[in-house]
Amino acid sequence: MIRIITVNVLRFIFLVIFQVFFLTNLSLYNIGVPYLYVLFILLLPVNLPTFWVYVLSFVLGFSIDVFSNTLGLHTSACVLMAFCRIGLLSVMIPKGGEFLPEPTIKNYGFKWFFTYSAILVVIHHVFLLNIEYFRLSEFFTATYKALISSVYTLILIIISQYLFGRRTR
């Protein structure tokens, strides 16, 4: 239990610092910006109580908002992502068989993890960028940028899973 808490605290700190100081400036031709900090929500333990998923998602989004000066945009997107994660996991976790607590690429396989990540990342990015633009006339522009950012983010998530992920026994 202590190991899980320590790993998640270190992951939280690293992802917030990495997002704020490095990834925010790593724009892809001013179209796509990677939001790798969502990896923290994706990798929260499956058996974590719903209350704590919401609290940790709120704190993560709030931390990004404080450093980015975005007044709740990331907080609302993270809480929405946490809400969708809970429902998605109840549908996607295999019934019966071996239950693994962390939803990583090495625990559940590439196809499962990619589907799980892609759905949640697209939801997060589309909501975040449409709230940021907040004009109906900019809906298609914001959605286009959200999809490009989602692909960019998913590539970084998959790379990070293969570099830093490990199998839980």
N, C-alpha and C. Protein backbone atom coordinates (compact mmCIF):
# COMPACT_ATOMS: atom_id res chain seq x y z
N MET A 1 0.81 -1.20 0.00
CA MET A 1 0.00 0.00 0.00
C MET A 1 0.86 1.27 0.00
N ILE A 2 1.91 1.25 0.81
CA ILE A 2 2.81 2.40 0.87
C ILE A 2 3.49 2.61 -0.47
N ARG A 3 3.86 1.52 -1.16
CA ARG A 3 4.50 1.62 -2.46
C ARG A 3 3.57 2.27 -3.47
N ILE A 4 2.30 1.91 -3.47
CA ILE A 4 1.33 2.48 -4.41
C ILE A 4 1.17 3.98 -4.18
N ILE A 5 1.08 4.38 -2.91
CA ILE A 5 0.93 5.80 -2.58
C ILE A 5 2.18 6.57 -3.00
N THR A 6 3.35 6.02 -2.70
CA THR A 6 4.61 6.68 -3.05
C THR A 6 4.75 6.84 -4.56
N VAL A 7 4.46 5.78 -5.30
CA VAL A 7 4.56 5.83 -6.77
C VAL A 7 3.61 6.89 -7.33
N ASN A 8 2.39 6.95 -6.82
CA ASN A 8 1.42 7.92 -7.34
C ASN A 8 1.76 9.35 -6.95
N VAL A 9 2.31 9.56 -5.77
CA VAL A 9 2.73 10.91 -5.38
C VAL A 9 3.88 11.38 -6.26
N LEU A 10 4.85 10.51 -6.47
CA LEU A 10 5.98 10.87 -7.34
C LEU A 10 5.52 11.08 -8.78
N ARG A 11 4.62 10.25 -9.25
CA ARG A 11 4.08 10.41 -10.61
C ARG A 11 3.36 11.74 -10.75
N PHE A 12 2.56 12.10 -9.74
CA PHE A 12 1.84 13.37 -9.74
C PHE A 12 2.81 14.55 -9.84
N ILE A 13 3.81 14.55 -8.97
CA ILE A 13 4.77 15.65 -8.94
C ILE A 13 5.53 15.74 -10.26
N PHE A 14 6.00 14.61 -10.75
CA PHE A 14 6.76 14.61 -12.00
C PHE A 14 5.91 15.10 -13.17
N LEU A 15 4.68 14.60 -13.30
CA LEU A 15 3.84 14.97 -14.44
C LEU A 15 3.45 16.45 -14.41
N VAL A 16 3.17 16.98 -13.23
CA VAL A 16 2.82 18.41 -13.13
C VAL A 16 4.02 19.27 -13.51
N ILE A 17 5.18 18.95 -12.97
CA ILE A 17 6.38 19.73 -13.29
C ILE A 17 6.74 19.60 -14.76
N PHE A 18 6.67 18.38 -15.29
CA PHE A 18 7.00 18.14 -16.70
C PHE A 18 6.03 18.88 -17.63
N GLN A 19 4.75 18.87 -17.26
CA GLN A 19 3.74 19.55 -18.08
C GLN A 19 3.95 21.06 -18.06
N VAL A 20 4.12 21.61 -16.88
CA VAL A 20 4.19 23.06 -16.73
C VAL A 20 5.47 23.65 -17.32
N PHE A 21 6.60 23.00 -17.07
CA PHE A 21 7.86 23.60 -17.47
C PHE A 21 8.38 23.14 -18.83
N PHE A 22 7.88 22.03 -19.35
CA PHE A 22 8.42 21.54 -20.61
C PHE A 22 7.36 21.39 -21.69
N LEU A 23 6.31 20.64 -21.43
CA LEU A 23 5.35 20.31 -22.48
C LEU A 23 4.48 21.48 -22.92
N THR A 24 4.26 22.44 -22.06
CA THR A 24 3.46 23.60 -22.44
C THR A 24 4.12 24.36 -23.58
N ASN A 25 5.43 24.35 -23.62
CA ASN A 25 6.18 25.05 -24.66
C ASN A 25 6.49 24.18 -25.87
N LEU A 26 6.05 22.94 -25.86
CA LEU A 26 6.35 21.99 -26.93
C LEU A 26 5.14 21.85 -27.84
N SER A 27 4.78 22.93 -28.49
CA SER A 27 3.63 22.97 -29.37
C SER A 27 4.00 22.43 -30.74
N LEU A 28 3.03 21.79 -31.38
CA LEU A 28 3.23 21.24 -32.72
C LEU A 28 2.62 22.22 -33.71
N TYR A 29 3.43 23.16 -34.20
CA TYR A 29 2.99 24.20 -35.15
C TYR A 29 1.77 24.98 -34.65
N ASN A 30 1.68 25.18 -33.37
CA ASN A 30 0.58 25.91 -32.74
C ASN A 30 -0.78 25.25 -32.99
N ILE A 31 -0.76 23.97 -33.30
CA ILE A 31 -2.01 23.23 -33.50
C ILE A 31 -2.23 22.24 -32.38
N GLY A 32 -1.21 21.47 -32.05
CA GLY A 32 -1.34 20.45 -31.02
C GLY A 32 -0.41 20.68 -29.86
N VAL A 33 -0.94 20.57 -28.67
CA VAL A 33 -0.16 20.68 -27.44
C VAL A 33 -0.38 19.39 -26.66
N PRO A 34 0.68 18.71 -26.25
CA PRO A 34 0.49 17.48 -25.49
C PRO A 34 0.12 17.79 -24.04
N TYR A 35 -0.87 17.09 -23.55
CA TYR A 35 -1.27 17.21 -22.15
C TYR A 35 -1.00 15.87 -21.48
N LEU A 36 0.26 15.59 -21.23
CA LEU A 36 0.67 14.30 -20.68
C LEU A 36 0.23 14.12 -19.23
N TYR A 37 -0.11 15.19 -18.54
CA TYR A 37 -0.51 15.07 -17.14
C TYR A 37 -1.74 14.19 -16.95
N VAL A 38 -2.53 13.98 -18.00
CA VAL A 38 -3.71 13.11 -17.89
C VAL A 38 -3.31 11.66 -17.62
N LEU A 39 -2.05 11.33 -17.86
CA LEU A 39 -1.56 9.98 -17.57
C LEU A 39 -1.74 9.63 -16.10
N PHE A 40 -1.67 10.63 -15.23
CA PHE A 40 -1.88 10.37 -13.81
C PHE A 40 -3.28 9.80 -13.55
N ILE A 41 -4.28 10.38 -14.17
CA ILE A 41 -5.66 9.89 -13.98
C ILE A 41 -5.82 8.52 -14.62
N LEU A 42 -5.21 8.33 -15.78
CA LEU A 42 -5.32 7.04 -16.46
C LEU A 42 -4.73 5.91 -15.64
N LEU A 43 -3.65 6.18 -14.92
CA LEU A 43 -2.93 5.13 -14.20
C LEU A 43 -3.33 4.98 -12.73
N LEU A 44 -4.33 5.71 -12.29
CA LEU A 44 -4.80 5.52 -10.91
C LEU A 44 -5.28 4.09 -10.75
N PRO A 45 -5.09 3.49 -9.57
CA PRO A 45 -5.52 2.10 -9.37
C PRO A 45 -7.01 1.92 -9.65
N VAL A 46 -7.34 0.78 -10.22
CA VAL A 46 -8.72 0.48 -10.59
C VAL A 46 -9.61 0.39 -9.35
N ASN A 47 -9.08 -0.13 -8.26
CA ASN A 47 -9.88 -0.32 -7.05
C ASN A 47 -9.88 0.89 -6.12
N LEU A 48 -9.38 2.02 -6.58
CA LEU A 48 -9.40 3.25 -5.78
C LEU A 48 -10.84 3.74 -5.65
N PRO A 49 -11.29 4.09 -4.44
CA PRO A 49 -12.67 4.56 -4.27
C PRO A 49 -12.97 5.78 -5.14
N THR A 50 -14.20 5.87 -5.60
CA THR A 50 -14.65 6.93 -6.50
C THR A 50 -14.36 8.31 -5.94
N PHE A 51 -14.59 8.50 -4.66
CA PHE A 51 -14.34 9.79 -4.02
C PHE A 51 -12.90 10.25 -4.24
N TRP A 52 -11.95 9.34 -4.06
CA TRP A 52 -10.54 9.70 -4.18
C TRP A 52 -10.15 9.94 -5.63
N VAL A 53 -10.80 9.26 -6.57
CA VAL A 53 -10.53 9.53 -7.98
C VAL A 53 -10.92 10.96 -8.31
N TYR A 54 -12.09 11.38 -7.82
CA TYR A 54 -12.53 12.76 -8.05
C TYR A 54 -11.62 13.78 -7.37
N VAL A 55 -11.24 13.51 -6.13
CA VAL A 55 -10.39 14.44 -5.39
C VAL A 55 -9.02 14.58 -6.06
N LEU A 56 -8.42 13.46 -6.42
CA LEU A 56 -7.10 13.52 -7.05
C LEU A 56 -7.16 14.17 -8.42
N SER A 57 -8.22 13.93 -9.16
CA SER A 57 -8.39 14.57 -10.47
C SER A 57 -8.57 16.07 -10.31
N PHE A 58 -9.33 16.47 -9.31
CA PHE A 58 -9.52 17.89 -9.04
C PHE A 58 -8.20 18.56 -8.67
N VAL A 59 -7.44 17.92 -7.78
CA VAL A 59 -6.17 18.49 -7.34
C VAL A 59 -5.18 18.58 -8.52
N LEU A 60 -5.17 17.56 -9.38
CA LEU A 60 -4.29 17.58 -10.55
C LEU A 60 -4.66 18.73 -11.48
N GLY A 61 -5.93 18.84 -11.82
CA GLY A 61 -6.37 19.92 -12.70
C GLY A 61 -6.14 21.29 -12.08
N PHE A 62 -6.39 21.41 -10.79
CA PHE A 62 -6.18 22.68 -10.10
C PHE A 62 -4.70 23.06 -10.11
N SER A 63 -3.82 22.07 -9.92
CA SER A 63 -2.38 22.35 -9.95
C SER A 63 -1.95 22.87 -11.31
N ILE A 64 -2.44 22.27 -12.37
CA ILE A 64 -2.10 22.73 -13.72
C ILE A 64 -2.68 24.12 -13.94
N ASP A 65 -3.91 24.36 -13.48
CA ASP A 65 -4.53 25.68 -13.62
C ASP A 65 -3.75 26.77 -12.89
N VAL A 66 -3.26 26.47 -11.71
CA VAL A 66 -2.50 27.46 -10.94
C VAL A 66 -1.24 27.86 -11.69
N PHE A 67 -0.53 26.89 -12.23
CA PHE A 67 0.71 27.20 -12.95
C PHE A 67 0.45 27.79 -14.33
N SER A 68 -0.68 27.44 -14.94
CA SER A 68 -0.97 27.91 -16.30
C SER A 68 -1.83 29.15 -16.33
N ASN A 69 -2.38 29.54 -15.17
CA ASN A 69 -3.26 30.70 -15.07
C ASN A 69 -4.47 30.56 -16.00
N THR A 70 -5.16 29.42 -15.90
CA THR A 70 -6.27 29.14 -16.80
C THR A 70 -7.64 29.07 -16.12
N LEU A 71 -7.72 29.41 -14.87
CA LEU A 71 -8.99 29.61 -14.17
C LEU A 71 -9.99 28.46 -14.28
N GLY A 72 -9.58 27.24 -13.99
CA GLY A 72 -10.51 26.12 -13.88
C GLY A 72 -10.72 25.31 -15.13
N LEU A 73 -10.07 25.63 -16.22
CA LEU A 73 -10.25 24.86 -17.45
C LEU A 73 -9.77 23.43 -17.27
N HIS A 74 -8.56 23.27 -16.78
CA HIS A 74 -7.99 21.94 -16.61
C HIS A 74 -8.68 21.18 -15.47
N THR A 75 -9.11 21.91 -14.45
CA THR A 75 -9.82 21.27 -13.35
C THR A 75 -11.11 20.64 -13.82
N SER A 76 -11.91 21.38 -14.57
CA SER A 76 -13.18 20.84 -15.05
C SER A 76 -12.96 19.69 -16.03
N ALA A 77 -11.95 19.79 -16.88
CA ALA A 77 -11.67 18.71 -17.83
C ALA A 77 -11.19 17.45 -17.11
N CYS A 78 -10.39 17.62 -16.06
CA CYS A 78 -9.91 16.46 -15.30
C CYS A 78 -11.04 15.78 -14.52
N VAL A 79 -11.94 16.56 -13.96
CA VAL A 79 -13.06 15.97 -13.23
C VAL A 79 -14.01 15.25 -14.20
N LEU A 80 -14.22 15.82 -15.38
CA LEU A 80 -15.02 15.12 -16.39
C LEU A 80 -14.34 13.82 -16.81
N MET A 81 -13.04 13.86 -16.97
CA MET A 81 -12.30 12.65 -17.34
C MET A 81 -12.41 11.59 -16.25
N ALA A 82 -12.35 12.00 -14.99
CA ALA A 82 -12.50 11.06 -13.88
C ALA A 82 -13.90 10.44 -13.89
N PHE A 83 -14.90 11.24 -14.15
CA PHE A 83 -16.28 10.74 -14.23
C PHE A 83 -16.41 9.69 -15.33
N CYS A 84 -15.87 9.99 -16.50
CA CYS A 84 -15.94 9.06 -17.63
C CYS A 84 -15.09 7.82 -17.38
N ARG A 85 -13.97 7.98 -16.67
CA ARG A 85 -13.08 6.85 -16.37
C ARG A 85 -13.79 5.80 -15.53
N ILE A 86 -14.56 6.25 -14.57
CA ILE A 86 -15.25 5.32 -13.68
C ILE A 86 -16.23 4.45 -14.46
N GLY A 87 -17.01 5.07 -15.33
CA GLY A 87 -17.95 4.30 -16.15
C GLY A 87 -17.25 3.42 -17.16
N LEU A 88 -16.20 3.94 -17.76
CA LEU A 88 -15.47 3.18 -18.78
C LEU A 88 -14.80 1.96 -18.18
N LEU A 89 -14.22 2.09 -17.01
CA LEU A 89 -13.58 0.94 -16.37
C LEU A 89 -14.59 -0.13 -15.99
N SER A 90 -15.78 0.27 -15.59
CA SER A 90 -16.79 -0.73 -15.24
C SER A 90 -17.20 -1.55 -16.45
N VAL A 91 -17.08 -0.98 -17.64
CA VAL A 91 -17.40 -1.70 -18.87
C VAL A 91 -16.20 -2.47 -19.40
N MET A 92 -15.00 -1.91 -19.29
CA MET A 92 -13.83 -2.48 -19.95
C MET A 92 -13.04 -3.49 -19.14
N ILE A 93 -13.14 -3.46 -17.81
CA ILE A 93 -12.37 -4.41 -17.00
C ILE A 93 -12.93 -5.80 -17.25
N PRO A 94 -12.07 -6.75 -17.61
CA PRO A 94 -12.54 -8.11 -17.89
C PRO A 94 -13.18 -8.74 -16.65
N LYS A 95 -14.32 -9.34 -16.85
CA LYS A 95 -15.02 -10.01 -15.75
C LYS A 95 -14.41 -11.40 -15.57
N GLY A 96 -14.16 -11.76 -14.32
CA GLY A 96 -13.52 -13.04 -14.05
C GLY A 96 -12.05 -12.98 -14.43
N GLY A 97 -11.34 -14.02 -14.17
CA GLY A 97 -9.93 -14.04 -14.55
C GLY A 97 -9.07 -13.24 -13.60
N GLU A 98 -7.87 -12.95 -14.04
CA GLU A 98 -6.91 -12.23 -13.21
C GLU A 98 -7.22 -10.75 -13.19
N PHE A 99 -7.33 -10.18 -11.99
CA PHE A 99 -7.60 -8.76 -11.82
C PHE A 99 -6.31 -8.07 -11.42
N LEU A 100 -5.89 -7.09 -12.20
CA LEU A 100 -4.68 -6.33 -11.92
C LEU A 100 -5.05 -4.91 -11.53
N PRO A 101 -4.47 -4.38 -10.45
CA PRO A 101 -4.92 -3.10 -9.91
C PRO A 101 -4.60 -1.87 -10.77
N GLU A 102 -3.48 -1.86 -11.47
CA GLU A 102 -3.11 -0.69 -12.26
C GLU A 102 -3.42 -0.91 -13.73
N PRO A 103 -4.16 0.01 -14.35
CA PRO A 103 -4.47 -0.14 -15.77
C PRO A 103 -3.32 0.32 -16.66
N THR A 104 -2.30 -0.51 -16.78
CA THR A 104 -1.13 -0.18 -17.59
C THR A 104 -1.12 -1.02 -18.85
N ILE A 105 -0.26 -0.64 -19.77
CA ILE A 105 -0.17 -1.35 -21.05
C ILE A 105 0.39 -2.76 -20.85
N LYS A 106 1.25 -2.95 -19.88
CA LYS A 106 1.85 -4.26 -19.65
C LYS A 106 0.92 -5.18 -18.85
N ASN A 107 0.00 -4.60 -18.09
CA ASN A 107 -0.94 -5.42 -17.34
C ASN A 107 -2.13 -5.88 -18.18
N TYR A 108 -2.63 -5.02 -19.05
CA TYR A 108 -3.85 -5.33 -19.79
C TYR A 108 -3.65 -5.47 -21.29
N GLY A 109 -2.47 -5.17 -21.79
CA GLY A 109 -2.20 -5.31 -23.21
C GLY A 109 -2.37 -4.00 -23.97
N PHE A 110 -1.74 -3.96 -25.15
CA PHE A 110 -1.74 -2.74 -25.94
C PHE A 110 -3.14 -2.34 -26.40
N LYS A 111 -3.88 -3.28 -26.95
CA LYS A 111 -5.20 -2.96 -27.51
C LYS A 111 -6.14 -2.40 -26.44
N TRP A 112 -6.18 -3.06 -25.29
CA TRP A 112 -7.05 -2.60 -24.20
C TRP A 112 -6.62 -1.22 -23.72
N PHE A 113 -5.33 -1.06 -23.47
CA PHE A 113 -4.84 0.20 -22.94
C PHE A 113 -5.01 1.34 -23.93
N PHE A 114 -4.76 1.06 -25.22
CA PHE A 114 -4.91 2.10 -26.23
C PHE A 114 -6.36 2.54 -26.33
N THR A 115 -7.31 1.61 -26.33
CA THR A 115 -8.73 1.96 -26.39
C THR A 115 -9.14 2.78 -25.17
N TYR A 116 -8.76 2.31 -24.01
CA TYR A 116 -9.06 3.00 -22.74
C TYR A 116 -8.48 4.41 -22.74
N SER A 117 -7.21 4.54 -23.11
CA SER A 117 -6.54 5.85 -23.12
C SER A 117 -7.13 6.77 -24.17
N ALA A 118 -7.34 6.25 -25.37
CA ALA A 118 -7.82 7.08 -26.47
C ALA A 118 -9.18 7.68 -26.15
N ILE A 119 -10.09 6.89 -25.62
CA ILE A 119 -11.42 7.39 -25.30
C ILE A 119 -11.33 8.52 -24.27
N LEU A 120 -10.59 8.29 -23.20
CA LEU A 120 -10.51 9.30 -22.14
C LEU A 120 -9.72 10.54 -22.56
N VAL A 121 -8.66 10.35 -23.31
CA VAL A 121 -7.86 11.50 -23.76
C VAL A 121 -8.67 12.37 -24.72
N VAL A 122 -9.39 11.75 -25.64
CA VAL A 122 -10.21 12.52 -26.58
C VAL A 122 -11.31 13.28 -25.84
N ILE A 123 -11.96 12.65 -24.89
CA ILE A 123 -12.98 13.34 -24.09
C ILE A 123 -12.37 14.54 -23.38
N HIS A 124 -11.23 14.33 -22.74
CA HIS A 124 -10.56 15.41 -22.01
C HIS A 124 -10.20 16.57 -22.93
N HIS A 125 -9.56 16.26 -24.05
CA HIS A 125 -9.06 17.30 -24.94
C HIS A 125 -10.18 18.06 -25.65
N VAL A 126 -11.20 17.34 -26.11
CA VAL A 126 -12.31 18.02 -26.78
C VAL A 126 -13.02 18.95 -25.81
N PHE A 127 -13.25 18.50 -24.61
CA PHE A 127 -13.90 19.35 -23.61
C PHE A 127 -13.01 20.55 -23.27
N LEU A 128 -11.74 20.29 -23.01
CA LEU A 128 -10.82 21.36 -22.61
C LEU A 128 -10.71 22.44 -23.68
N LEU A 129 -10.49 22.05 -24.90
CA LEU A 129 -10.27 23.06 -25.95
C LEU A 129 -11.57 23.75 -26.36
N ASN A 130 -12.70 23.07 -26.30
CA ASN A 130 -13.96 23.76 -26.61
C ASN A 130 -14.35 24.73 -25.51
N ILE A 131 -14.04 24.41 -24.28
CA ILE A 131 -14.28 25.36 -23.19
C ILE A 131 -13.31 26.54 -23.30
N GLU A 132 -12.08 26.26 -23.72
CA GLU A 132 -11.10 27.33 -23.87
C GLU A 132 -11.52 28.31 -24.97
N TYR A 133 -11.97 27.81 -26.10
CA TYR A 133 -12.41 28.70 -27.19
C TYR A 133 -13.77 29.32 -26.87
N PHE A 134 -14.70 28.51 -26.39
CA PHE A 134 -16.02 28.92 -25.90
C PHE A 134 -16.81 29.78 -26.91
N ARG A 135 -16.74 29.39 -28.16
CA ARG A 135 -17.55 30.01 -29.20
C ARG A 135 -18.07 28.91 -30.11
N LEU A 136 -19.31 29.00 -30.46
CA LEU A 136 -19.87 28.01 -31.37
C LEU A 136 -19.23 28.11 -32.74
N SER A 137 -18.84 29.31 -33.14
CA SER A 137 -18.19 29.49 -34.44
C SER A 137 -16.81 28.84 -34.49
N GLU A 138 -16.20 28.61 -33.34
CA GLU A 138 -14.86 28.01 -33.26
C GLU A 138 -14.91 26.53 -32.92
N PHE A 139 -16.10 25.92 -32.94
CA PHE A 139 -16.25 24.53 -32.53
C PHE A 139 -15.38 23.59 -33.36
N PHE A 140 -15.41 23.72 -34.68
CA PHE A 140 -14.65 22.81 -35.54
C PHE A 140 -13.15 23.04 -35.42
N THR A 141 -12.74 24.28 -35.26
CA THR A 141 -11.32 24.58 -35.05
C THR A 141 -10.84 23.97 -33.74
N ALA A 142 -11.61 24.15 -32.68
CA ALA A 142 -11.23 23.62 -31.37
C ALA A 142 -11.22 22.09 -31.40
N THR A 143 -12.19 21.49 -32.05
CA THR A 143 -12.25 20.04 -32.12
C THR A 143 -11.09 19.49 -32.94
N TYR A 144 -10.75 20.16 -34.03
CA TYR A 144 -9.61 19.75 -34.85
C TYR A 144 -8.32 19.81 -34.02
N LYS A 145 -8.12 20.90 -33.32
CA LYS A 145 -6.93 21.03 -32.48
C LYS A 145 -6.94 20.00 -31.35
N ALA A 146 -8.12 19.69 -30.84
CA ALA A 146 -8.23 18.69 -29.78
C ALA A 146 -7.84 17.30 -30.30
N LEU A 147 -8.25 16.98 -31.50
CA LEU A 147 -7.91 15.67 -32.05
C LEU A 147 -6.41 15.56 -32.35
N ILE A 148 -5.82 16.62 -32.86
CA ILE A 148 -4.37 16.63 -33.10
C ILE A 148 -3.63 16.51 -31.77
N SER A 149 -4.08 17.26 -30.78
CA SER A 149 -3.46 17.19 -29.45
C SER A 149 -3.64 15.81 -28.82
N SER A 150 -4.79 15.18 -29.08
CA SER A 150 -5.04 13.84 -28.55
C SER A 150 -4.07 12.83 -29.14
N VAL A 151 -3.84 12.90 -30.43
CA VAL A 151 -2.89 11.99 -31.08
C VAL A 151 -1.49 12.21 -30.51
N TYR A 152 -1.11 13.46 -30.38
CA TYR A 152 0.20 13.84 -29.83
C TYR A 152 0.34 13.30 -28.40
N THR A 153 -0.68 13.49 -27.60
CA THR A 153 -0.66 13.02 -26.22
C THR A 153 -0.62 11.50 -26.15
N LEU A 154 -1.42 10.82 -26.99
CA LEU A 154 -1.44 9.36 -26.99
C LEU A 154 -0.09 8.77 -27.37
N ILE A 155 0.58 9.39 -28.32
CA ILE A 155 1.92 8.91 -28.69
C ILE A 155 2.86 9.00 -27.50
N LEU A 156 2.82 10.12 -26.78
CA LEU A 156 3.68 10.28 -25.60
C LEU A 156 3.29 9.31 -24.48
N ILE A 157 2.00 9.04 -24.33
CA ILE A 157 1.55 8.10 -23.30
C ILE A 157 2.04 6.69 -23.61
N ILE A 158 1.91 6.27 -24.86
CA ILE A 158 2.36 4.92 -25.24
C ILE A 158 3.88 4.80 -25.08
N ILE A 159 4.62 5.82 -25.51
CA ILE A 159 6.07 5.79 -25.34
C ILE A 159 6.44 5.71 -23.86
N SER A 160 5.77 6.51 -23.03
CA SER A 160 6.08 6.49 -21.59
C SER A 160 5.73 5.15 -20.96
N GLN A 161 4.68 4.50 -21.45
CA GLN A 161 4.31 3.19 -20.91
C GLN A 161 5.38 2.15 -21.24
N TYR A 162 5.92 2.19 -22.43
CA TYR A 162 6.96 1.23 -22.79
C TYR A 162 8.29 1.56 -22.12
N LEU A 163 8.55 2.83 -21.85
CA LEU A 163 9.81 3.19 -21.20
C LEU A 163 9.79 2.97 -19.69
N PHE A 164 8.69 3.34 -19.05
CA PHE A 164 8.65 3.34 -17.59
C PHE A 164 7.69 2.33 -16.98
N GLY A 165 6.88 1.67 -17.77
CA GLY A 165 5.91 0.74 -17.21
C GLY A 165 6.57 -0.55 -16.78
N ARG A 166 5.94 -1.18 -15.81
CA ARG A 166 6.41 -2.51 -15.39
C ARG A 166 5.22 -3.35 -14.98
N ARG A 167 5.36 -4.63 -15.09
CA ARG A 167 4.27 -5.57 -14.82
C ARG A 167 4.09 -5.74 -13.32
N THR A 168 2.83 -5.65 -12.88
CA THR A 168 2.50 -5.90 -11.48
C THR A 168 2.25 -7.38 -11.31
N ARG A 169 2.78 -7.94 -10.25
CA ARG A 169 2.57 -9.39 -10.01
C ARG A 169 1.61 -9.59 -8.86
